[in-house]
C-alpha atoms as a PDB file:
ATOM      1  CA  MET A   1      19.519  10.493   1.524  1.00  0.00           C
ATOM      2  CA  LEU A   2      21.936   8.997   4.114  1.00  0.00           C
ATOM      3  CA  ARG A   3      19.091   8.521   6.591  1.00  0.00           C
ATOM      4  CA  VAL A   4      17.058   6.656   4.004  1.00  0.00           C
ATOM      5  CA  LEU A   5      19.967   4.327   3.250  1.00  0.00           C
ATOM      6  CA  GLN A   6      20.514   3.724   6.964  1.00  0.00           C
ATOM      7  CA  ARG A   7      16.837   2.772   7.280  1.00  0.00           C
ATOM      8  CA  SER A   8      17.436   0.090   4.629  1.00  0.00           C
ATOM      9  CA  SER A   9      21.015  -0.769   5.547  1.00  0.00           C
ATOM     10  CA  ARG A  10      20.575  -4.475   4.726  1.00  0.00           C
ATOM     11  CA  MET A  11      20.628  -4.273   0.957  1.00  0.00           C
ATOM     12  CA  VAL A  12      19.372  -6.897  -1.462  1.00  0.00           C
ATOM     13  CA  ALA A  13      21.870  -9.669  -2.181  1.00  0.00           C
ATOM     14  CA  PRO A  14      21.894 -12.102  -5.121  1.00  0.00           C
ATOM     15  CA  ALA A  15      20.515 -15.007  -3.099  1.00  0.00           C
ATOM     16  CA  ALA A  16      17.075 -15.380  -1.581  1.00  0.00           C
ATOM     17  CA  ARG A  17      15.837 -17.635   1.195  1.00  0.00           C
ATOM     18  CA  ASN A  18      12.457 -19.054   1.988  1.00  0.00           C
ATOM     19  CA  PHE A  19      10.791 -17.951   5.176  1.00  0.00           C
ATOM     20  CA  SER A  20       7.588 -18.702   6.990  1.00  0.00           C
ATOM     21  CA  SER A  21       4.383 -17.580   5.330  1.00  0.00           C
ATOM     22  CA  GLU A  22       2.899 -17.289   8.817  1.00  0.00           C
ATOM     23  CA  ALA A  23       2.931 -13.508   9.033  1.00  0.00           C
ATOM     24  CA  GLY A  24       1.329 -13.871  12.428  1.00  0.00           C
ATOM     25  CA  ASN A  25      -2.172 -12.728  13.240  1.00  0.00           C
ATOM     26  CA  ASN A  26      -3.904 -15.834  11.827  1.00  0.00           C
ATOM     27  CA  LYS A  27      -2.391 -15.599   8.363  1.00  0.00           C
ATOM     28  CA  LEU A  28      -3.725 -12.136   7.640  1.00  0.00           C
ATOM     29  CA  VAL A  29      -0.851 -12.035   5.185  1.00  0.00           C
ATOM     30  CA  ILE A  30       0.226 -15.098   3.214  1.00  0.00           C
ATOM     31  CA  THR A  31       3.754 -15.117   1.812  1.00  0.00           C
ATOM     32  CA  GLU A  32       4.926 -17.574  -0.822  1.00  0.00           C
ATOM     33  CA  VAL A  33       8.461 -17.513  -2.207  1.00  0.00           C
ATOM     34  CA  ASP A  34       9.228 -18.935  -5.641  1.00  0.00           C
ATOM     35  CA  ASP A  35      12.373 -21.057  -5.306  1.00  0.00           C
ATOM     36  CA  LYS A  36      13.414 -20.406  -8.910  1.00  0.00           C
ATOM     37  CA  THR A  37      13.052 -16.631  -8.986  1.00  0.00           C
ATOM     38  CA  GLY A  38      13.391 -15.737  -5.325  1.00  0.00           C
ATOM     39  CA  TYR A  39      10.313 -13.506  -5.656  1.00  0.00           C
ATOM     40  CA  ALA A  40       7.780 -13.356  -2.829  1.00  0.00           C
ATOM     41  CA  THR A  41       4.064 -13.165  -3.548  1.00  0.00           C
ATOM     42  CA  VAL A  42       2.451 -11.415  -0.598  1.00  0.00           C
ATOM     43  CA  THR A  43      -1.304 -11.919  -0.408  1.00  0.00           C
ATOM     44  CA  LEU A  44      -3.586  -9.778   1.744  1.00  0.00           C
ATOM     45  CA  ASN A  45      -5.966 -12.204   3.440  1.00  0.00           C
ATOM     46  CA  ARG A  46      -8.462 -10.445   5.687  1.00  0.00           C
ATOM     47  CA  PRO A  47     -11.925 -11.277   4.305  1.00  0.00           C
ATOM     48  CA  PRO A  48     -14.162  -9.950   3.068  1.00  0.00           C
ATOM     49  CA  VAL A  49     -12.429  -6.802   1.735  1.00  0.00           C
ATOM     50  CA  ASN A  50      -8.939  -6.620   3.289  1.00  0.00           C
ATOM     51  CA  SER A  51      -9.800  -3.500   5.262  1.00  0.00           C
ATOM     52  CA  LEU A  52      -6.621  -2.286   6.925  1.00  0.00           C
ATOM     53  CA  SER A  53      -7.015  -2.908  10.642  1.00  0.00           C
ATOM     54  CA  LEU A  54      -4.196  -2.475  13.149  1.00  0.00           C
ATOM     55  CA  GLU A  55      -3.606  -6.237  13.090  1.00  0.00           C
ATOM     56  CA  LEU A  56      -3.434  -6.432   9.293  1.00  0.00           C
ATOM     57  CA  LEU A  57      -1.046  -3.490   9.163  1.00  0.00           C
ATOM     58  CA  GLN A  58       1.147  -5.162  11.799  1.00  0.00           C
ATOM     59  CA  ALA A  59       1.187  -8.336   9.712  1.00  0.00           C
ATOM     60  CA  ILE A  60       2.160  -6.399   6.568  1.00  0.00           C
ATOM     61  CA  SER A  61       4.886  -4.579   8.479  1.00  0.00           C
ATOM     62  CA  GLN A  62       6.302  -7.851   9.820  1.00  0.00           C
ATOM     63  CA  THR A  63       6.195  -9.394   6.351  1.00  0.00           C
ATOM     64  CA  LEU A  64       8.178  -6.498   4.891  1.00  0.00           C
ATOM     65  CA  ASP A  65      10.767  -6.942   7.656  1.00  0.00           C
ATOM     66  CA  ASP A  66      10.999 -10.659   6.829  1.00  0.00           C
ATOM     67  CA  LEU A  67      11.490  -9.934   3.139  1.00  0.00           C
ATOM     68  CA  GLN A  68      14.318  -7.531   3.832  1.00  0.00           C
ATOM     69  CA  ASN A  69      15.956  -9.781   6.436  1.00  0.00           C
ATOM     70  CA  ASN A  70      15.851 -12.693   3.996  1.00  0.00           C
ATOM     71  CA  LYS A  71      17.251 -10.578   1.163  1.00  0.00           C
ATOM     72  CA  SER A  72      14.262 -10.922  -1.121  1.00  0.00           C
ATOM     73  CA  ARG A  73      14.820 -10.500  -4.846  1.00  0.00           C
ATOM     74  CA  GLY A  74      11.411  -8.864  -5.235  1.00  0.00           C
ATOM     75  CA  MET A  75       7.822  -8.759  -4.033  1.00  0.00           C
ATOM     76  CA  ILE A  76       4.402  -8.964  -5.670  1.00  0.00           C
ATOM     77  CA  LEU A  77       1.513  -7.644  -3.564  1.00  0.00           C
ATOM     78  CA  THR A  78      -1.968  -9.017  -4.292  1.00  0.00           C
ATOM     79  CA  SER A  79      -5.251 -10.054  -2.648  1.00  0.00           C
ATOM     80  CA  SER A  80      -7.034 -13.298  -1.800  1.00  0.00           C
ATOM     81  CA  SER A  81     -10.382 -11.649  -2.619  1.00  0.00           C
ATOM     82  CA  ASN A  82     -11.923 -12.094  -6.049  1.00  0.00           C
ATOM     83  CA  THR A  83     -13.228  -8.528  -6.207  1.00  0.00           C
ATOM     84  CA  VAL A  84     -11.311  -6.306  -3.755  1.00  0.00           C
ATOM     85  CA  PHE A  85      -7.573  -5.601  -3.538  1.00  0.00           C
ATOM     86  CA  SER A  86      -8.073  -3.643  -0.311  1.00  0.00           C
ATOM     87  CA  ALA A  87     -11.008  -1.466   0.720  1.00  0.00           C
ATOM     88  CA  GLY A  88      -8.630   0.854   2.588  1.00  0.00           C
ATOM     89  CA  LEU A  89      -8.414   1.796   6.233  1.00  0.00           C
ATOM     90  CA  ASP A  90     -10.759  -0.041   8.567  1.00  0.00           C
ATOM     91  CA  ILE A  91     -13.419   2.492   9.516  1.00  0.00           C
ATOM     92  CA  MET A  92     -13.916   0.752  12.861  1.00  0.00           C
ATOM     93  CA  GLU A  93     -10.387   1.759  13.870  1.00  0.00           C
ATOM     94  CA  MET A  94     -11.493   5.394  13.631  1.00  0.00           C
ATOM     95  CA  TYR A  95     -15.139   5.305  14.766  1.00  0.00           C
ATOM     96  CA  LYS A  96     -15.462   5.967  18.507  1.00  0.00           C
ATOM     97  CA  PRO A  97     -11.822   4.900  18.872  1.00  0.00           C
ATOM     98  CA  ASN A  98      -9.678   3.828  21.776  1.00  0.00           C
ATOM     99  CA  GLN A  99      -7.168   6.672  21.773  1.00  0.00           C
ATOM    100  CA  GLU A 100      -4.038   4.608  22.438  1.00  0.00           C
ATOM    101  CA  ARG A 101      -4.989   2.059  19.788  1.00  0.00           C
ATOM    102  CA  LEU A 102      -5.750   4.905  17.359  1.00  0.00           C
ATOM    103  CA  ARG A 103      -2.203   6.226  17.735  1.00  0.00           C
ATOM    104  CA  ASP A 104      -0.755   2.732  17.313  1.00  0.00           C
ATOM    105  CA  PHE A 105      -2.913   2.260  14.222  1.00  0.00           C
ATOM    106  CA  TRP A 106      -1.610   5.383  12.491  1.00  0.00           C
ATOM    107  CA  SER A 107       1.983   4.798  13.581  1.00  0.00           C
ATOM    108  CA  THR A 108       1.856   1.279  12.134  1.00  0.00           C
ATOM    109  CA  LEU A 109       0.445   2.603   8.855  1.00  0.00           C
ATOM    110  CA  GLN A 110       3.395   5.002   8.752  1.00  0.00           C
ATOM    111  CA  ASP A 111       5.743   2.052   9.321  1.00  0.00           C
ATOM    112  CA  VAL A 112       4.188   0.119   6.441  1.00  0.00           C
ATOM    113  CA  TRP A 113       4.563   3.132   4.159  1.00  0.00           C
ATOM    114  CA  PHE A 114       8.204   3.658   5.124  1.00  0.00           C
ATOM    115  CA  LYS A 115       9.058   0.008   4.518  1.00  0.00           C
ATOM    116  CA  LEU A 116       7.118  -0.401   1.269  1.00  0.00           C
ATOM    117  CA  TYR A 117       7.745   2.989  -0.346  1.00  0.00           C
ATOM    118  CA  GLY A 118      11.453   2.828   0.533  1.00  0.00           C
ATOM    119  CA  SER A 119      12.038  -0.922   0.174  1.00  0.00           C
ATOM    120  CA  PRO A 120      15.472  -1.937  -1.161  1.00  0.00           C
ATOM    121  CA  PHE A 121      13.925  -4.800  -3.159  1.00  0.00           C
ATOM    122  CA  PRO A 122      11.744  -4.184  -6.255  1.00  0.00           C
ATOM    123  CA  THR A 123       7.998  -4.237  -5.731  1.00  0.00           C
ATOM    124  CA  ALA A 124       4.941  -4.794  -7.912  1.00  0.00           C
ATOM    125  CA  ALA A 125       1.205  -4.725  -7.218  1.00  0.00           C
ATOM    126  CA  ALA A 126      -1.135  -7.177  -8.945  1.00  0.00           C
ATOM    127  CA  ILE A 127      -4.414  -5.329  -8.342  1.00  0.00           C
ATOM    128  CA  ASN A 128      -7.130  -7.941  -8.719  1.00  0.00           C
ATOM    129  CA  GLY A 129     -10.022  -5.908  -7.340  1.00  0.00           C
ATOM    130  CA  HIS A 130     -11.180  -2.480  -6.187  1.00  0.00           C
ATOM    131  CA  ALA A 131      -8.495  -0.370  -4.488  1.00  0.00           C
ATOM    132  CA  PRO A 132      -9.884   2.778  -2.837  1.00  0.00           C
ATOM    133  CA  ALA A 133      -8.017   4.986  -0.357  1.00  0.00           C
ATOM    134  CA  GLY A 134      -5.549   2.887   1.679  1.00  0.00           C
ATOM    135  CA  GLY A 135      -5.741   0.108  -0.901  1.00  0.00           C
ATOM    136  CA  CYS A 136      -4.682   2.578  -3.550  1.00  0.00           C
ATOM    137  CA  LEU A 137      -1.893   3.820  -1.269  1.00  0.00           C
ATOM    138  CA  LEU A 138      -0.378   0.338  -0.934  1.00  0.00           C
ATOM    139  CA  SER A 139      -0.298  -0.055  -4.699  1.00  0.00           C
ATOM    140  CA  LEU A 140       1.179   3.421  -5.211  1.00  0.00           C
ATOM    141  CA  CYS A 141       4.056   2.521  -2.893  1.00  0.00           C
ATOM    142  CA  CYS A 142       5.036  -0.233  -5.325  1.00  0.00           C
ATOM    143  CA  GLU A 143       7.166   0.471  -8.386  1.00  0.00           C
ATOM    144  CA  TYR A 144       4.807  -1.195 -10.857  1.00  0.00           C
ATOM    145  CA  ARG A 145       1.056  -1.739 -10.975  1.00  0.00           C
ATOM    146  CA  VAL A 146      -0.950  -4.125 -13.140  1.00  0.00           C
ATOM    147  CA  MET A 147      -4.731  -4.139 -12.707  1.00  0.00           C
ATOM    148  CA  CYS A 148      -7.569  -6.405 -13.777  1.00  0.00           C
ATOM    149  CA  PRO A 149     -10.477  -4.895 -15.783  1.00  0.00           C
ATOM    150  CA  ASN A 150     -13.681  -3.357 -14.478  1.00  0.00           C
ATOM    151  CA  TYR A 151     -12.425  -2.260 -11.068  1.00  0.00           C
ATOM    152  CA  SER A 152     -11.759   1.158  -9.536  1.00  0.00           C
ATOM    153  CA  ILE A 153      -8.788   2.784  -7.837  1.00  0.00           C
ATOM    154  CA  GLY A 154      -8.057   6.147  -6.234  1.00  0.00           C
ATOM    155  CA  LEU A 155      -7.500   8.236  -3.140  1.00  0.00           C
ATOM    156  CA  ASN A 156     -11.119   9.195  -2.423  1.00  0.00           C
ATOM    157  CA  GLU A 157     -10.622  10.695   1.043  1.00  0.00           C
ATOM    158  CA  THR A 158     -12.266  14.066   0.296  1.00  0.00           C
ATOM    159  CA  GLN A 159     -15.513  12.270  -0.580  1.00  0.00           C
ATOM    160  CA  LEU A 160     -15.576  11.126   3.055  1.00  0.00           C
ATOM    161  CA  GLY A 161     -14.685  14.564   4.393  1.00  0.00           C
ATOM    162  CA  ILE A 162     -11.088  13.540   5.131  1.00  0.00           C
ATOM    163  CA  VAL A 163      -7.844  15.117   3.924  1.00  0.00           C
ATOM    164  CA  ALA A 164      -5.276  12.725   2.469  1.00  0.00           C
ATOM    165  CA  PRO A 165      -2.004  13.167   4.429  1.00  0.00           C
ATOM    166  CA  THR A 166       0.973  14.715   2.654  1.00  0.00           C
ATOM    167  CA  TRP A 167       2.710  11.337   2.331  1.00  0.00           C
ATOM    168  CA  PHE A 168      -0.370   9.873   0.618  1.00  0.00           C
ATOM    169  CA  GLN A 169      -0.213  12.838  -1.727  1.00  0.00           C
ATOM    170  CA  ALA A 170       3.513  12.341  -2.320  1.00  0.00           C
ATOM    171  CA  SER A 171       2.925   8.716  -3.300  1.00  0.00           C
ATOM    172  CA  LEU A 172       0.399   9.821  -5.915  1.00  0.00           C
ATOM    173  CA  ARG A 173       2.596  12.638  -7.254  1.00  0.00           C
ATOM    174  CA  ASN A 174       5.397  10.110  -7.641  1.00  0.00           C
ATOM    175  CA  THR A 175       3.114   8.131  -9.953  1.00  0.00           C
ATOM    176  CA  ILE A 176       1.051  10.553 -12.040  1.00  0.00           C
ATOM    177  CA  SER A 177       1.435  14.188 -13.059  1.00  0.00           C
ATOM    178  CA  ARG A 178       1.172  16.917 -10.452  1.00  0.00           C
ATOM    179  CA  ARG A 179      -1.825  18.446 -12.242  1.00  0.00           C
ATOM    180  CA  GLU A 180      -3.678  15.127 -12.409  1.00  0.00           C
ATOM    181  CA  SER A 181      -2.765  14.493  -8.751  1.00  0.00           C
ATOM    182  CA  GLU A 182      -4.341  17.794  -7.738  1.00  0.00           C
ATOM    183  CA  LEU A 183      -7.558  16.981  -9.548  1.00  0.00           C
ATOM    184  CA  ALA A 184      -7.601  13.412  -8.235  1.00  0.00           C
ATOM    185  CA  LEU A 185      -7.044  14.432  -4.621  1.00  0.00           C
ATOM    186  CA  THR A 186      -9.367  17.427  -4.457  1.00  0.00           C
ATOM    187  CA  LEU A 187     -12.177  15.548  -6.207  1.00  0.00           C
ATOM    188  CA  GLY A 188     -11.547  12.292  -4.367  1.00  0.00           C
ATOM    189  CA  LYS A 189     -11.682  10.741  -7.819  1.00  0.00           C
ATOM    190  CA  MET A 190     -12.012   7.009  -8.336  1.00  0.00           C
ATOM    191  CA  TYR A 191     -10.589   5.839 -11.663  1.00  0.00           C
ATOM    192  CA  THR A 192     -11.759   2.860 -13.666  1.00  0.00           C
ATOM    193  CA  THR A 193      -9.057   0.436 -14.772  1.00  0.00           C
ATOM    194  CA  ASP A 194      -8.992   2.016 -18.230  1.00  0.00           C
ATOM    195  CA  GLU A 195      -8.878   5.557 -16.828  1.00  0.00           C
ATOM    196  CA  ALA A 196      -6.089   4.616 -14.429  1.00  0.00           C
ATOM    197  CA  LEU A 197      -4.011   3.300 -17.330  1.00  0.00           C
ATOM    198  CA  LYS A 198      -4.608   6.461 -19.332  1.00  0.00           C
ATOM    199  CA  VAL A 199      -3.311   8.787 -16.586  1.00  0.00           C
ATOM    200  CA  GLY A 200      -0.442   6.463 -15.605  1.00  0.00           C
ATOM    201  CA  MET A 201      -1.770   5.360 -12.230  1.00  0.00           C
ATOM    202  CA  ILE A 202      -1.269   1.779 -13.394  1.00  0.00           C
ATOM    203  CA  ASP A 203       1.255   0.480 -15.916  1.00  0.00           C
ATOM    204  CA  GLU A 204      -0.668  -2.352 -17.542  1.00  0.00           C
ATOM    205  CA  ILE A 205      -4.010  -4.152 -17.620  1.00  0.00           C
ATOM    206  CA  ALA A 206      -4.259  -7.942 -17.194  1.00  0.00           C
ATOM    207  CA  GLU A 207      -7.302 -10.005 -18.095  1.00  0.00           C
ATOM    208  CA  ASN A 208      -7.258 -11.890 -14.777  1.00  0.00           C
ATOM    209  CA  LYS A 209      -5.255 -12.395 -11.597  1.00  0.00           C
ATOM    210  CA  GLU A 210      -3.108 -15.171 -13.063  1.00  0.00           C
ATOM    211  CA  LYS A 211      -2.057 -12.930 -15.946  1.00  0.00           C
ATOM    212  CA  ALA A 212      -1.505 -10.026 -13.551  1.00  0.00           C
ATOM    213  CA  LEU A 213       0.928 -12.124 -11.509  1.00  0.00           C
ATOM    214  CA  GLU A 214       2.726 -13.144 -14.722  1.00  0.00           C
ATOM    215  CA  GLN A 215       3.048  -9.518 -15.811  1.00  0.00           C
ATOM    216  CA  ALA A 216       4.261  -8.472 -12.360  1.00  0.00           C
ATOM    217  CA  THR A 217       6.866 -11.237 -12.505  1.00  0.00           C
ATOM    218  CA  ALA A 218       7.970 -10.010 -15.933  1.00  0.00           C
ATOM    219  CA  PHE A 219       8.502  -6.546 -14.441  1.00  0.00           C
ATOM    220  CA  LEU A 220      10.671  -7.923 -11.638  1.00  0.00           C
ATOM    221  CA  ASN A 221      12.660  -9.928 -14.190  1.00  0.00           C
ATOM    222  CA  ARG A 222      13.784  -6.683 -15.802  1.00  0.00           C
ATOM    223  CA  PHE A 223      16.140  -6.159 -12.847  1.00  0.00           C
ATOM    224  CA  ARG A 224      17.819  -9.582 -12.999  1.00  0.00           C
ATOM    225  CA  LYS A 225      20.987  -8.183 -14.561  1.00  0.00           C
ATOM    226  CA  ILE A 226      20.973  -4.911 -12.633  1.00  0.00           C
ATOM    227  CA  SER A 227      23.144  -4.508  -9.532  1.00  0.00           C
ATOM    228  CA  PRO A 228      20.741  -4.884  -6.558  1.00  0.00           C
ATOM    229  CA  MET A 229      22.654  -2.300  -4.555  1.00  0.00           C
ATOM    230  CA  ALA A 230      22.800   0.244  -7.388  1.00  0.00           C
ATOM    231  CA  ARG A 231      19.101  -0.279  -8.117  1.00  0.00           C
ATOM    232  CA  ALA A 232      18.096   0.111  -4.467  1.00  0.00           C
ATOM    233  CA  MET A 233      20.232   3.195  -3.884  1.00  0.00           C
ATOM    234  CA  THR A 234      18.875   4.855  -7.022  1.00  0.00           C
ATOM    235  CA  LYS A 235      15.265   4.169  -6.010  1.00  0.00           C
ATOM    236  CA  GLN A 236      15.831   5.436  -2.487  1.00  0.00           C
ATOM    237  CA  ALA A 237      17.573   8.577  -3.746  1.00  0.00           C
ATOM    238  CA  LEU A 238      14.542   9.337  -5.913  1.00  0.00           C
ATOM    239  CA  ARG A 239      12.132   8.806  -3.006  1.00  0.00           C
ATOM    240  CA  SER A 240      14.251  10.140  -0.138  1.00  0.00           C
ATOM    241  CA  LYS A 241      12.661  13.611   0.010  1.00  0.00           C
ATOM    242  CA  ASP A 242       9.206  12.161   0.685  1.00  0.00           C
ATOM    243  CA  ILE A 243      10.544   9.705   3.274  1.00  0.00           C
ATOM    244  CA  VAL A 244      12.620  12.270   5.166  1.00  0.00           C
ATOM    245  CA  GLU A 245       9.694  14.710   5.226  1.00  0.00           C
ATOM    246  CA  LEU A 246       7.509  12.213   7.098  1.00  0.00           C
ATOM    247  CA  GLU A 247      10.381  11.152   9.366  1.00  0.00           C
ATOM    248  CA  ASP A 248      10.874  14.768  10.397  1.00  0.00           C
ATOM    249  CA  ASN A 249       7.175  15.274  11.084  1.00  0.00           C
ATOM    250  CA  ARG A 250       6.086  11.840  12.231  1.00  0.00           C
ATOM    251  CA  SER A 251       4.830  12.785  15.706  1.00  0.00           C
ATOM    252  CA  GLN A 252       3.000  15.833  14.394  1.00  0.00           C
ATOM    253  CA  ASP A 253       1.390  13.697  11.695  1.00  0.00           C
ATOM    254  CA  ILE A 254       0.063  11.280  14.325  1.00  0.00           C
ATOM    255  CA  ASP A 255      -1.205  14.164  16.475  1.00  0.00           C
ATOM    256  CA  LEU A 256      -2.954  15.732  13.497  1.00  0.00           C
ATOM    257  CA  PHE A 257      -4.602  12.437  12.540  1.00  0.00           C
ATOM    258  CA  VAL A 258      -5.853  11.801  16.092  1.00  0.00           C
ATOM    259  CA  TYR A 259      -7.154  15.360  16.374  1.00  0.00           C
ATOM    260  CA  ALA A 260      -8.965  15.148  13.034  1.00  0.00           C
ATOM    261  CA  VAL A 261     -10.546  11.763  13.704  1.00  0.00           C
ATOM    262  CA  ASN A 262     -11.926  12.925  17.048  1.00  0.00           C
ATOM    263  CA  GLN A 263     -13.721  15.934  15.570  1.00  0.00           C
ATOM    264  CA  PRO A 264     -17.520  15.594  15.958  1.00  0.00           C
ATOM    265  CA  ALA A 265     -18.099  16.266  12.266  1.00  0.00           C
ATOM    266  CA  VAL A 266     -15.708  13.485  11.266  1.00  0.00           C
ATOM    267  CA  GLN A 267     -17.261  11.049  13.743  1.00  0.00           C
ATOM    268  CA  LYS A 268     -20.703  11.919  12.386  1.00  0.00           C
ATOM    269  CA  GLY A 269     -19.482  11.353   8.844  1.00  0.00           C
ATOM    270  CA  LEU A 270     -18.078   7.960   9.779  1.00  0.00           C
ATOM    271  CA  GLU A 271     -21.359   7.050  11.460  1.00  0.00           C
ATOM    272  CA  VAL A 272     -23.336   7.963   8.342  1.00  0.00           C
ATOM    273  CA  TYR A 273     -20.939   5.969   6.177  1.00  0.00           C
ATOM    274  CA  LEU A 274     -21.249   2.902   8.411  1.00  0.00           C
ATOM    275  CA  GLU A 275     -25.051   3.159   8.302  1.00  0.00           C
ATOM    276  CA  SER A 276     -24.915   3.245   4.503  1.00  0.00           C
ATOM    277  CA  LEU A 277     -22.802   0.091   4.515  1.00  0.00           C
ATOM    278  CA  LYS A 278     -25.318  -1.667   6.780  1.00  0.00           C
ATOM    279  CA  LYS A 279     -28.182  -0.744   4.450  1.00  0.00           C
ATOM    280  CA  LYS A 280     -26.276  -2.070   1.445  1.00  0.00           C
ATOM    281  CA  ALA A 281     -25.579  -5.326   3.280  1.00  0.00           C
ATOM    282  CA  GLN A 282     -29.282  -5.755   4.074  1.00  0.00           C
ATOM    283  CA  LYS A 283     -30.361  -5.470   0.435  1.00  0.00           C
END
């Protein structure tokens, strides 16, 4: 628990400051702070589907640092796409990879998870499109999820022949029941918006993005009269076991990921998947 608090030693204060929405990397992340509420709306902006490349992950990581340094009152994570929240990890980072970049890629994803899952400020995801795999993970790291109708969400790694890391699994278990998590992970199940609400993967449904942002704001407002420090410490105490487990095994987790990605069977699977995407694009 102490290590988790030290990681987030700059706790949320009553005031909030504006900061640059230039999250670097050509505005891959756009940050807008509401002067009245102090809440930051963080928009993923890597067309067409916000696939999580090394550069996008670096931009998210920097944005989370900025929010904490500027003592944000809360964050809403959403997407600039009309149909996709985030399509997950960028396959091109893993297909025939540069080995050094591959390690940086996974290490940066770990950083994003640490900072978002253990953030001292409250977080909400306004899911305005499909959210498979890594897209689902980002939303699970948040404390509240509202989703627009007729989309899908889930950790579908096993469908691609990949095992979801233990910290992905922990994020899901923190959100839905252990039994449902086991079924979801082993099947690589993708849930419709209605199904996700039924099992508790999301908290509410919104008819459109505008309403989703309003509902996410309403969630953050629930903490207005709660001590920011008490709220943050309570959240981090609840999540500390998952965070410490990855901290203690971070290097091994990177090694395991690199080893798995470089297996011929995995590379072949990625190649087949990329070919299927090309065929879809040509139709």
